[in-house]
Amino acid sequence: GLDCGSCGAPSCRALAEDIVRGYANIYDCMFMNDNNNDNEGG
């Protein structure tokens, strides 16, 4: 919910919309990538 734009979408909602439409995936969000790496390390 930071709307940082680092994923290439202007807001988190826009990214969520893109994911549902099949134009993006959840790991385009850098923070979700960090969470995924943490889980793998644990």
Full PDB file with SEQRES, HELIX, SHEET, SSBOND, CRYST1, ORIGX, SCALE, CONECT and MASTER records, all heavy atoms in Angstrom:
SEQRES   1 A   42  GLY LEU ASP CYS GLY SER CYS GLY ALA PRO SER CYS ARG          
SEQRES   2 A   42  ALA LEU ALA GLU ASP ILE VAL ARG GLY TYR ALA ASN ILE          
SEQRES   3 A   42  TYR ASP CYS MET PHE MET ASN ASP ASN ASN ASN ASP ASN          
SEQRES   4 A   42  GLU GLY GLY                                                  
HELIX    1 AA1 CYS A   12  ARG A   21  1                                  10    
HELIX    2 AA2 ILE A   26  ASP A   28  5                                   3    
HELIX    3 AA3 MET A   30  GLY A   41  1                                  12    
CRYST1    1.000    1.000    1.000  90.00  90.00  90.00 P 1           1          
ORIGX1      1.000000  0.000000  0.000000        0.00000                         
ORIGX2      0.000000  1.000000  0.000000        0.00000                         
ORIGX3      0.000000  0.000000  1.000000        0.00000                         
SCALE1      1.000000  0.000000  0.000000        0.00000                         
SCALE2      0.000000  1.000000  0.000000        0.00000                         
SCALE3      0.000000  0.000000  1.000000        0.00000                         
ATOM      1  N   GLY A   1       0.795  -1.228   0.000  1.00  0.00           N  
ATOM      2  CA  GLY A   1       0.000   0.000   0.000  1.00  0.00           C  
ATOM      3  C   GLY A   1       0.818   1.265   0.000  1.00  0.00           C  
ATOM      4  O   GLY A   1       0.320   2.339   0.354  1.00  0.00           O  
ATOM      5  N   LEU A   2       2.057   1.197  -0.450  1.00  0.00           N  
ATOM      6  CA  LEU A   2       2.947   2.360  -0.442  1.00  0.00           C  
ATOM      7  C   LEU A   2       2.839   3.193  -1.718  1.00  0.00           C  
ATOM      8  O   LEU A   2       3.276   4.349  -1.736  1.00  0.00           O  
ATOM      9  CB  LEU A   2       4.405   1.901  -0.258  1.00  0.00           C  
ATOM     10  CG  LEU A   2       4.725   1.193   1.059  1.00  0.00           C  
ATOM     11  CD1 LEU A   2       6.165   0.721   1.062  1.00  0.00           C  
ATOM     12  CD2 LEU A   2       4.475   2.125   2.238  1.00  0.00           C  
ATOM     13  N   ASP A   3       2.309   2.595  -2.783  1.00  0.00           N  
ATOM     14  CA  ASP A   3       2.192   3.283  -4.075  1.00  0.00           C  
ATOM     15  C   ASP A   3       3.529   3.899  -4.497  1.00  0.00           C  
ATOM     16  O   ASP A   3       3.596   5.035  -4.969  1.00  0.00           O  
ATOM     17  CB  ASP A   3       1.123   4.388  -4.011  1.00  0.00           C  
ATOM     18  CG  ASP A   3      -0.278   3.824  -3.754  1.00  0.00           C  
ATOM     19  OD1 ASP A   3      -0.482   2.623  -3.994  1.00  0.00           O  
ATOM     20  OD2 ASP A   3      -1.157   4.592  -3.315  1.00  0.00           O  
ATOM     21  N   CYS A   4       4.595   3.128  -4.350  1.00  0.00           N  
ATOM     22  CA  CYS A   4       5.938   3.646  -4.628  1.00  0.00           C  
ATOM     23  C   CYS A   4       6.267   3.684  -6.113  1.00  0.00           C  
ATOM     24  O   CYS A   4       7.163   4.421  -6.527  1.00  0.00           O  
ATOM     25  CB  CYS A   4       6.979   2.813  -3.887  1.00  0.00           C  
ATOM     26  SG  CYS A   4       7.091   1.092  -4.457  1.00  0.00           S  
ATOM     27  N   GLY A   5       5.593   2.868  -6.913  1.00  0.00           N  
ATOM     28  CA  GLY A   5       5.817   2.867  -8.358  1.00  0.00           C  
ATOM     29  C   GLY A   5       6.990   2.031  -8.813  1.00  0.00           C  
ATOM     30  O   GLY A   5       7.267   1.957 -10.014  1.00  0.00           O  
ATOM     31  N   SER A   6       7.722   1.400  -7.887  1.00  0.00           N  
ATOM     32  CA  SER A   6       8.905   0.630  -8.286  1.00  0.00           C  
ATOM     33  C   SER A   6       8.549  -0.616  -9.093  1.00  0.00           C  
ATOM     34  O   SER A   6       9.407  -1.161  -9.795  1.00  0.00           O  
ATOM     35  CB  SER A   6       9.714   0.227  -7.041  1.00  0.00           C  
ATOM     36  OG  SER A   6       8.912  -0.560  -6.167  1.00  0.00           O  
ATOM     37  N   CYS A   7       7.283  -1.042  -9.032  1.00  0.00           N  
ATOM     38  CA  CYS A   7       6.831  -2.222  -9.780  1.00  0.00           C  
ATOM     39  C   CYS A   7       6.538  -1.896 -11.242  1.00  0.00           C  
ATOM     40  O   CYS A   7       6.308  -2.789 -12.053  1.00  0.00           O  
ATOM     41  CB  CYS A   7       5.585  -2.818  -9.133  1.00  0.00           C  
ATOM     42  SG  CYS A   7       4.180  -1.670  -9.136  1.00  0.00           S  
ATOM     43  N   GLY A   8       6.516  -0.595 -11.572  1.00  0.00           N  
ATOM     44  CA  GLY A   8       6.170  -0.191 -12.928  1.00  0.00           C  
ATOM     45  C   GLY A   8       4.709   0.172 -13.085  1.00  0.00           C  
ATOM     46  O   GLY A   8       4.257   0.499 -14.180  1.00  0.00           O  
ATOM     47  N   ALA A   9       3.947   0.146 -11.982  1.00  0.00           N  
ATOM     48  CA  ALA A   9       2.551   0.591 -11.972  1.00  0.00           C  
ATOM     49  C   ALA A   9       2.453   1.789 -11.030  1.00  0.00           C  
ATOM     50  O   ALA A   9       3.212   1.885 -10.064  1.00  0.00           O  
ATOM     51  CB  ALA A   9       1.624  -0.528 -11.514  1.00  0.00           C  
ATOM     52  N   PRO A  10       1.516   2.702 -11.276  1.00  0.00           N  
ATOM     53  CA  PRO A  10       1.461   3.935 -10.484  1.00  0.00           C  
ATOM     54  C   PRO A  10       0.976   3.756  -9.053  1.00  0.00           C  
ATOM     55  O   PRO A  10       1.178   4.635  -8.219  1.00  0.00           O  
ATOM     56  CB  PRO A  10       0.508   4.826 -11.280  1.00  0.00           C  
ATOM     57  CG  PRO A  10      -0.347   3.873 -12.048  1.00  0.00           C  
ATOM     58  CD  PRO A  10       0.542   2.720 -12.373  1.00  0.00           C  
ATOM     59  N   SER A  11       0.304   2.651  -8.759  1.00  0.00           N  
ATOM     60  CA  SER A  11      -0.219   2.424  -7.416  1.00  0.00           C  
ATOM     61  C   SER A  11      -0.350   0.934  -7.166  1.00  0.00           C  
ATOM     62  O   SER A  11      -0.317   0.118  -8.105  1.00  0.00           O  
ATOM     63  CB  SER A  11      -1.596   3.089  -7.245  1.00  0.00           C  
ATOM     64  OG  SER A  11      -2.554   2.465  -8.098  1.00  0.00           O  
ATOM     65  N   CYS A  12      -0.504   0.572  -5.902  1.00  0.00           N  
ATOM     66  CA  CYS A  12      -0.679  -0.845  -5.564  1.00  0.00           C  
ATOM     67  C   CYS A  12      -1.976  -1.379  -6.165  1.00  0.00           C  
ATOM     68  O   CYS A  12      -2.039  -2.534  -6.610  1.00  0.00           O  
ATOM     69  CB  CYS A  12      -0.687  -1.021  -4.043  1.00  0.00           C  
ATOM     70  SG  CYS A  12       0.943  -0.771  -3.285  1.00  0.00           S  
ATOM     71  N   ARG A  13      -3.008  -0.557  -6.179  1.00  0.00           N  
ATOM     72  CA  ARG A  13      -4.262  -1.000  -6.774  1.00  0.00           C  
ATOM     73  C   ARG A  13      -4.096  -1.273  -8.271  1.00  0.00           C  
ATOM     74  O   ARG A  13      -4.629  -2.229  -8.810  1.00  0.00           O  
ATOM     75  CB  ARG A  13      -5.367   0.030  -6.551  1.00  0.00           C  
ATOM     76  CG  ARG A  13      -6.689  -0.428  -7.148  1.00  0.00           C  
ATOM     77  CD  ARG A  13      -7.853   0.493  -6.880  1.00  0.00           C  
ATOM     78  NE  ARG A  13      -9.056  -0.065  -7.476  1.00  0.00           N  
ATOM     79  CZ  ARG A  13      -9.817  -0.990  -6.937  1.00  0.00           C  
ATOM     80  NH1 ARG A  13      -9.508  -1.486  -5.739  1.00  0.00           N  
ATOM     81  NH2 ARG A  13     -10.892  -1.453  -7.548  1.00  0.00           N  
ATOM     82  N   ALA A  14      -3.337  -0.398  -8.943  1.00  0.00           N  
ATOM     83  CA  ALA A  14      -3.098  -0.598 -10.371  1.00  0.00           C  
ATOM     84  C   ALA A  14      -2.326  -1.891 -10.614  1.00  0.00           C  
ATOM     85  O   ALA A  14      -2.611  -2.628 -11.570  1.00  0.00           O  
ATOM     86  CB  ALA A  14      -2.332   0.590 -10.942  1.00  0.00           C  
ATOM     87  N   LEU A  15      -1.357  -2.187  -9.750  1.00  0.00           N  
ATOM     88  CA  LEU A  15      -0.617  -3.439  -9.883  1.00  0.00           C  
ATOM     89  C   LEU A  15      -1.542  -4.635  -9.658  1.00  0.00           C  
ATOM     90  O   LEU A  15      -1.490  -5.622 -10.407  1.00  0.00           O  
ATOM     91  CB  LEU A  15       0.552  -3.486  -8.891  1.00  0.00           C  
ATOM     92  CG  LEU A  15       1.337  -4.806  -8.867  1.00  0.00           C  
ATOM     93  CD1 LEU A  15       1.957  -5.090 -10.234  1.00  0.00           C  
ATOM     94  CD2 LEU A  15       2.410  -4.782  -7.784  1.00  0.00           C  
ATOM     95  N   ALA A  16      -2.396  -4.546  -8.637  1.00  0.00           N  
ATOM     96  CA  ALA A  16      -3.336  -5.633  -8.369  1.00  0.00           C  
ATOM     97  C   ALA A  16      -4.246  -5.881  -9.571  1.00  0.00           C  
ATOM     98  O   ALA A  16      -4.526  -7.029  -9.943  1.00  0.00           O  
ATOM     99  CB  ALA A  16      -4.165  -5.309  -7.130  1.00  0.00           C  
ATOM    100  N   GLU A  17      -4.674  -4.810 -10.175  1.00  0.00           N  
ATOM    101  CA  GLU A  17      -5.507  -4.898 -11.378  1.00  0.00           C  
ATOM    102  C   GLU A  17      -4.745  -5.571 -12.512  1.00  0.00           C  
ATOM    103  O   GLU A  17      -5.270  -6.449 -13.214  1.00  0.00           O  
ATOM    104  CB  GLU A  17      -5.919  -3.486 -11.791  1.00  0.00           C  
ATOM    105  CG  GLU A  17      -7.058  -3.410 -12.771  1.00  0.00           C  
ATOM    106  CD  GLU A  17      -7.405  -1.959 -13.091  1.00  0.00           C  
ATOM    107  OE1 GLU A  17      -7.625  -1.180 -12.150  1.00  0.00           O  
ATOM    108  OE2 GLU A  17      -7.433  -1.627 -14.289  1.00  0.00           O  
ATOM    109  N   ASP A  18      -3.478  -5.184 -12.694  1.00  0.00           N  
ATOM    110  CA  ASP A  18      -2.644  -5.782 -13.734  1.00  0.00           C  
ATOM    111  C   ASP A  18      -2.438  -7.269 -13.497  1.00  0.00           C  
ATOM    112  O   ASP A  18      -2.419  -8.067 -14.442  1.00  0.00           O  
ATOM    113  CB  ASP A  18      -1.288  -5.072 -13.798  1.00  0.00           C  
ATOM    114  CG  ASP A  18      -1.388  -3.648 -14.323  1.00  0.00           C  
ATOM    115  OD1 ASP A  18      -2.464  -3.286 -14.853  1.00  0.00           O  
ATOM    116  OD2 ASP A  18      -0.398  -2.899 -14.200  1.00  0.00           O  
ATOM    117  N   ILE A  19      -2.261  -7.645 -12.236  1.00  0.00           N  
ATOM    118  CA  ILE A  19      -2.061  -9.058 -11.899  1.00  0.00           C  
ATOM    119  C   ILE A  19      -3.295  -9.874 -12.258  1.00  0.00           C  
ATOM    120  O   ILE A  19      -3.210 -10.939 -12.879  1.00  0.00           O  
ATOM    121  CB  ILE A  19      -1.719  -9.217 -10.397  1.00  0.00           C  
ATOM    122  CG1 ILE A  19      -0.356  -8.586 -10.089  1.00  0.00           C  
ATOM    123  CG2 ILE A  19      -1.731 -10.691  -9.994  1.00  0.00           C  
ATOM    124  CD1 ILE A  19      -0.062  -8.450  -8.607  1.00  0.00           C  
ATOM    125  N   VAL A  20      -4.457  -9.359 -11.889  1.00  0.00           N  
ATOM    126  CA  VAL A  20      -5.712 -10.059 -12.174  1.00  0.00           C  
ATOM    127  C   VAL A  20      -5.928 -10.184 -13.684  1.00  0.00           C  
ATOM    128  O   VAL A  20      -6.438 -11.197 -14.176  1.00  0.00           O  
ATOM    129  CB  VAL A  20      -6.907  -9.321 -11.517  1.00  0.00           C  
ATOM    130  CG1 VAL A  20      -8.229  -9.882 -12.002  1.00  0.00           C  
ATOM    131  CG2 VAL A  20      -6.812  -9.420 -10.004  1.00  0.00           C  
ATOM    132  N   ARG A  21      -5.509  -9.179 -14.416  1.00  0.00           N  
ATOM    133  CA  ARG A  21      -5.672  -9.210 -15.875  1.00  0.00           C  
ATOM    134  C   ARG A  21      -4.604 -10.046 -16.571  1.00  0.00           C  
ATOM    135  O   ARG A  21      -4.678 -10.277 -17.774  1.00  0.00           O  
ATOM    136  CB  ARG A  21      -5.635  -7.784 -16.431  1.00  0.00           C  
ATOM    137  CG  ARG A  21      -6.848  -6.950 -16.068  1.00  0.00           C  
ATOM    138  CD  ARG A  21      -6.775  -5.588 -16.727  1.00  0.00           C  
ATOM    139  NE  ARG A  21      -8.026  -4.869 -16.565  1.00  0.00           N  
ATOM    140  CZ  ARG A  21      -8.450  -3.917 -17.384  1.00  0.00           C  
ATOM    141  NH1 ARG A  21      -7.724  -3.592 -18.435  1.00  0.00           N  
ATOM    142  NH2 ARG A  21      -9.588  -3.310 -17.176  1.00  0.00           N  
ATOM    143  N   GLY A  22      -3.599 -10.462 -15.809  1.00  0.00           N  
ATOM    144  CA  GLY A  22      -2.560 -11.308 -16.379  1.00  0.00           C  
ATOM    145  C   GLY A  22      -1.404 -10.552 -16.995  1.00  0.00           C  
ATOM    146  O   GLY A  22      -0.589 -11.122 -17.722  1.00  0.00           O  
ATOM    147  N   TYR A  23      -1.294  -9.237 -16.682  1.00  0.00           N  
ATOM    148  CA  TYR A  23      -0.229  -8.418 -17.259  1.00  0.00           C  
ATOM    149  C   TYR A  23       0.970  -8.273 -16.324  1.00  0.00           C  
ATOM    150  O   TYR A  23       1.997  -7.705 -16.712  1.00  0.00           O  
ATOM    151  CB  TYR A  23      -0.749  -7.016 -17.594  1.00  0.00           C  
ATOM    152  CG  TYR A  23      -1.910  -6.986 -18.549  1.00  0.00           C  
ATOM    153  CD1 TYR A  23      -2.931  -6.050 -18.415  1.00  0.00           C  
ATOM    154  CD2 TYR A  23      -2.000  -7.892 -19.603  1.00  0.00           C  
ATOM    155  CE1 TYR A  23      -4.011  -6.017 -19.299  1.00  0.00           C  
ATOM    156  CE2 TYR A  23      -3.062  -7.874 -20.488  1.00  0.00           C  
ATOM    157  CZ  TYR A  23      -4.064  -6.936 -20.333  1.00  0.00           C  
ATOM    158  OH  TYR A  23      -5.129  -6.913 -21.210  1.00  0.00           O  
ATOM    159  N   ALA A  24       0.847  -8.751 -15.104  1.00  0.00           N  
ATOM    160  CA  ALA A  24       1.921  -8.630 -14.120  1.00  0.00           C  
ATOM    161  C   ALA A  24       1.794  -9.775 -13.117  1.00  0.00           C  
ATOM    162  O   ALA A  24       0.829 -10.548 -13.153  1.00  0.00           O  
ATOM    163  CB  ALA A  24       1.834  -7.274 -13.415  1.00  0.00           C  
ATOM    164  N   ASN A  25       2.774  -9.880 -12.220  1.00  0.00           N  
ATOM    165  CA  ASN A  25       2.662 -10.887 -11.151  1.00  0.00           C  
ATOM    166  C   ASN A  25       3.032 -10.252  -9.826  1.00  0.00           C  
ATOM    167  O   ASN A  25       3.627  -9.160  -9.782  1.00  0.00           O  
ATOM    168  CB  ASN A  25       3.516 -12.125 -11.455  1.00  0.00           C  
ATOM    169  CG  ASN A  25       5.001 -11.838 -11.401  1.00  0.00           C  
ATOM    170  OD1 ASN A  25       5.574 -11.654 -10.330  1.00  0.00           O  
ATOM    171  ND2 ASN A  25       5.638 -11.802 -12.573  1.00  0.00           N  
ATOM    172  N   ILE A  26       2.704 -10.932  -8.753  1.00  0.00           N  
ATOM    173  CA  ILE A  26       2.838 -10.380  -7.412  1.00  0.00           C  
ATOM    174  C   ILE A  26       4.281 -10.010  -7.076  1.00  0.00           C  
ATOM    175  O   ILE A  26       4.558  -9.075  -6.327  1.00  0.00           O  
ATOM    176  CB  ILE A  26       2.281 -11.363  -6.354  1.00  0.00           C  
ATOM    177  CG1 ILE A  26       2.105 -10.669  -4.988  1.00  0.00           C  
ATOM    178  CG2 ILE A  26       3.178 -12.583  -6.232  1.00  0.00           C  
ATOM    179  CD1 ILE A  26       0.928  -9.764  -4.914  1.00  0.00           C  
ATOM    180  N   TYR A  27       5.246 -10.715  -7.708  1.00  0.00           N  
ATOM    181  CA  TYR A  27       6.651 -10.482  -7.385  1.00  0.00           C  
ATOM    182  C   TYR A  27       7.263  -9.327  -8.176  1.00  0.00           C  
ATOM    183  O   TYR A  27       8.451  -9.057  -8.045  1.00  0.00           O  
ATOM    184  CB  TYR A  27       7.453 -11.773  -7.583  1.00  0.00           C  
ATOM    185  CG  TYR A  27       6.981 -12.850  -6.624  1.00  0.00           C  
ATOM    186  CD1 TYR A  27       6.376 -14.007  -7.097  1.00  0.00           C  
ATOM    187  CD2 TYR A  27       7.109 -12.676  -5.240  1.00  0.00           C  
ATOM    188  CE1 TYR A  27       5.909 -14.966  -6.224  1.00  0.00           C  
ATOM    189  CE2 TYR A  27       6.645 -13.633  -4.357  1.00  0.00           C  
ATOM    190  CZ  TYR A  27       6.045 -14.784  -4.851  1.00  0.00           C  
ATOM    191  OH  TYR A  27       5.587 -15.733  -3.985  1.00  0.00           O  
ATOM    192  N   ASP A  28       6.427  -8.633  -8.969  1.00  0.00           N  
ATOM    193  CA  ASP A  28       6.878  -7.364  -9.531  1.00  0.00           C  
ATOM    194  C   ASP A  28       7.051  -6.332  -8.428  1.00  0.00           C  
ATOM    195  O   ASP A  28       7.793  -5.354  -8.588  1.00  0.00           O  
ATOM    196  CB  ASP A  28       5.876  -6.847 -10.572  1.00  0.00           C  
ATOM    197  CG  ASP A  28       5.940  -7.621 -11.875  1.00  0.00           C  
ATOM    198  OD1 ASP A  28       7.023  -8.125 -12.200  1.00  0.00           O  
ATOM    199  OD2 ASP A  28       4.902  -7.721 -12.555  1.00  0.00           O  
ATOM    200  N   CYS A  29       6.356  -6.560  -7.312  1.00  0.00           N  
ATOM    201  CA  CYS A  29       6.501  -5.691  -6.143  1.00  0.00           C  
ATOM    202  C   CYS A  29       7.777  -6.066  -5.406  1.00  0.00           C  
ATOM    203  O   CYS A  29       7.945  -7.214  -4.975  1.00  0.00           O  
ATOM    204  CB  CYS A  29       5.293  -5.832  -5.217  1.00  0.00           C  
ATOM    205  SG  CYS A  29       5.471  -4.943  -3.650  1.00  0.00           S  
ATOM    206  N   MET A  30       8.701  -5.134  -5.258  1.00  0.00           N  
ATOM    207  CA  MET A  30       9.989  -5.408  -4.630  1.00  0.00           C  
ATOM    208  C   MET A  30       9.834  -5.876  -3.187  1.00  0.00           C  
ATOM    209  O   MET A  30      10.639  -6.663  -2.688  1.00  0.00           O  
ATOM    210  CB  MET A  30      10.881  -4.163  -4.689  1.00  0.00           C  
ATOM    211  CG  MET A  30      10.342  -2.940  -3.980  1.00  0.00           C  
ATOM    212  SD  MET A  30      11.412  -1.477  -4.180  1.00  0.00           S  
ATOM    213  CE  MET A  30      12.857  -1.999  -3.267  1.00  0.00           C  
ATOM    214  N   PHE A  31       8.775  -5.427  -2.519  1.00  0.00           N  
ATOM    215  CA  PHE A  31       8.571  -5.823  -1.130  1.00  0.00           C  
ATOM    216  C   PHE A  31       8.095  -7.269  -1.029  1.00  0.00           C  
ATOM    217  O   PHE A  31       8.436  -7.983  -0.097  1.00  0.00           O  
ATOM    218  CB  PHE A  31       7.573  -4.876  -0.460  1.00  0.00           C  
ATOM    219  CG  PHE A  31       8.055  -3.465  -0.384  1.00  0.00           C  
ATOM    220  CD1 PHE A  31       7.653  -2.517  -1.310  1.00  0.00           C  
ATOM    221  CD2 PHE A  31       8.943  -3.079   0.608  1.00  0.00           C  
ATOM    222  CE1 PHE A  31       8.107  -1.222  -1.254  1.00  0.00           C  
ATOM    223  CE2 PHE A  31       9.412  -1.770   0.669  1.00  0.00           C  
ATOM    224  CZ  PHE A  31       8.991  -0.843  -0.265  1.00  0.00           C  
ATOM    225  N   MET A  32       7.330  -7.698  -2.012  1.00  0.00           N  
ATOM    226  CA  MET A  32       6.891  -9.100  -2.032  1.00  0.00           C  
ATOM    227  C   MET A  32       8.073 -10.002  -2.349  1.00  0.00           C  
ATOM    228  O   MET A  32       8.176 -11.122  -1.849  1.00  0.00           O  
ATOM    229  CB  MET A  32       5.792  -9.294  -3.065  1.00  0.00           C  
ATOM    230  CG  MET A  32       4.534  -8.503  -2.787  1.00  0.00           C  
ATOM    231  SD  MET A  32       3.864  -8.774  -1.114  1.00  0.00           S  
ATOM    232  CE  MET A  32       3.436 -10.514  -1.195  1.00  0.00           C  
ATOM    233  N   ASN A  33       9.015  -9.520  -3.157  1.00  0.00           N  
ATOM    234  CA  ASN A  33      10.230 -10.260  -3.422  1.00  0.00           C  
ATOM    235  C   ASN A  33      11.039 -10.452  -2.155  1.00  0.00           C  
ATOM    236  O   ASN A  33      11.563 -11.518  -1.880  1.00  0.00           O  
ATOM    237  CB  ASN A  33      11.084  -9.534  -4.471  1.00  0.00           C  
ATOM    238  CG  ASN A  33      10.782  -9.997  -5.880  1.00  0.00           C  
ATOM    239  OD1 ASN A  33      10.661 -11.187  -6.123  1.00  0.00           O  
ATOM    240  ND2 ASN A  33      10.647  -9.054  -6.816  1.00  0.00           N  
ATOM    241  N   ASP A  34      11.116  -9.364  -1.345  1.00  0.00           N  
ATOM    242  CA  ASP A  34      11.854  -9.452  -0.072  1.00  0.00           C  
ATOM    243  C   ASP A  34      11.198 -10.456   0.843  1.00  0.00           C  
ATOM    244  O   ASP A  34      11.888 -11.278   1.488  1.00  0.00           O  
ATOM    245  CB  ASP A  34      11.885  -8.085   0.603  1.00  0.00           C  
ATOM    246  CG  ASP A  34      12.795  -7.101  -0.119  1.00  0.00           C  
ATOM    247  OD1 ASP A  34      13.626  -7.556  -0.931  1.00  0.00           O  
ATOM    248  OD2 ASP A  34      12.675  -5.884   0.116  1.00  0.00           O  
ATOM    249  N   ASN A  35       9.846 -10.444   0.902  1.00  0.00           N  
ATOM    250  CA  ASN A  35       9.143 -11.381   1.760  1.00  0.00           C  
ATOM    251  C   ASN A  35       9.382 -12.823   1.318  1.00  0.00           C  
ATOM    252  O   ASN A  35       9.550 -13.733   2.115  1.00  0.00           O  
ATOM    253  CB  ASN A  35       7.634 -11.084   1.735  1.00  0.00           C  
ATOM    254  CG  ASN A  35       7.312  -9.776   2.451  1.00  0.00           C  
ATOM    255  OD1 ASN A  35       8.115  -9.326   3.263  1.00  0.00           O  
ATOM    256  ND2 ASN A  35       6.185  -9.177   2.112  1.00  0.00           N  
ATOM    257  N   ASN A  36       9.400 -13.009  -0.007  1.00  0.00           N  
ATOM    258  CA  ASN A  36       9.595 -14.346  -0.547  1.00  0.00           C  
ATOM    259  C   ASN A  36      10.985 -14.859  -0.199  1.00  0.00           C  
ATOM    260  O   ASN A  36      11.180 -16.008   0.179  1.00  0.00           O  
ATOM    261  CB  ASN A  36       9.416 -14.315  -2.076  1.00  0.00           C  
ATOM    262  CG  ASN A  36       9.379 -15.703  -2.685  1.00  0.00           C  
ATOM    263  OD1 ASN A  36       8.724 -16.608  -2.171  1.00  0.00           O  
ATOM    264  ND2 ASN A  36      10.111 -15.869  -3.784  1.00  0.00           N  
ATOM    265  N   ASN A  37      12.002 -13.973  -0.310  1.00  0.00           N  
ATOM    266  CA  ASN A  37      13.371 -14.362   0.025  1.00  0.00           C  
ATOM    267  C   ASN A  37      13.523 -14.702   1.512  1.00  0.00           C  
ATOM    268  O   ASN A  37      14.214 -15.629   1.884  1.00  0.00           O  
ATOM    269  CB  ASN A  37      14.348 -13.241  -0.356  1.00  0.00           C  
ATOM    270  CG  ASN A  37      14.439 -13.058  -1.865  1.00  0.00           C  
ATOM    271  OD1 ASN A  37      14.194 -14.000  -2.612  1.00  0.00           O  
ATOM    272  ND2 ASN A  37      14.801 -11.854  -2.303  1.00  0.00           N  
ATOM    273  N   ASP A  38      12.801 -13.912   2.359  1.00  0.00           N  
ATOM    274  CA  ASP A  38      12.859 -14.169   3.812  1.00  0.00           C  
ATOM    275  C   ASP A  38      12.295 -15.541   4.135  1.00  0.00           C  
ATOM    276  O   ASP A  38      12.828 -16.297   4.945  1.00  0.00           O  
ATOM    277  CB  ASP A  38      12.072 -13.088   4.572  1.00  0.00           C  
ATOM    278  CG  ASP A  38      12.790 -11.741   4.540  1.00  0.00           C  
ATOM    279  OD1 ASP A  38      13.998 -11.733   4.208  1.00  0.00           O  
ATOM    280  OD2 ASP A  38      12.131 -10.735   4.829  1.00  0.00           O  
ATOM    281  N   ASN A  39      11.165 -15.863   3.460  1.00  0.00           N  
ATOM    282  CA  ASN A  39      10.526 -17.151   3.712  1.00  0.00           C  
ATOM    283  C   ASN A  39      11.421 -18.303   3.265  1.00  0.00           C  
ATOM    284  O   ASN A  39      11.520 -19.341   3.922  1.00  0.00           O  
ATOM    285  CB  ASN A  39       9.190 -17.225   2.980  1.00  0.00           C  
ATOM    286  CG  ASN A  39       8.164 -16.297   3.593  1.00  0.00           C  
ATOM    287  OD1 ASN A  39       8.259 -15.965   4.770  1.00  0.00           O  
ATOM    288  ND2 ASN A  39       7.179 -15.864   2.810  1.00  0.00           N  
ATOM    289  N   GLU A  40      12.103 -18.103   2.128  1.00  0.00           N  
ATOM    290  CA  GLU A  40      12.985 -19.163   1.646  1.00  0.00           C  
ATOM    291  C   GLU A  40      14.167 -19.339   2.570  1.00  0.00           C  
ATOM    292  O   GLU A  40      14.632 -20.453   2.824  1.00  0.00           O  
ATOM    293  CB  GLU A  40      13.481 -18.804   0.232  1.00  0.00           C  
ATOM    294  CG  GLU A  40      12.383 -18.937  -0.835  1.00  0.00           C  
ATOM    295  CD  GLU A  40      12.873 -18.545  -2.214  1.00  0.00           C  
ATOM    296  OE1 GLU A  40      14.025 -18.101  -2.329  1.00  0.00           O  
ATOM    297  OE2 GLU A  40      12.080 -18.668  -3.171  1.00  0.00           O  
ATOM    298  N   GLY A  41      14.679 -18.212   3.121  1.00  0.00           N  
ATOM    299  CA  GLY A  41      15.822 -18.304   4.038  1.00  0.00           C  
ATOM    300  C   GLY A  41      15.443 -18.966   5.337  1.00  0.00           C  
ATOM    301  O   GLY A  41      16.255 -19.618   5.970  1.00  0.00           O  
ATOM    302  N   GLY A  42      14.164 -18.797   5.782  1.00  0.00           N  
ATOM    303  CA  GLY A  42      13.710 -19.385   7.038  1.00  0.00           C  
ATOM    304  C   GLY A  42      13.471 -20.831   6.922  1.00  0.00           C  
ATOM    305  O   GLY A  42      13.426 -21.543   7.918  1.00  0.00           O  
TER     306      GLY A  42                                                      
MASTER        0    0    0    3    0    0    0    6  305    1    0    4          
END                                                                             
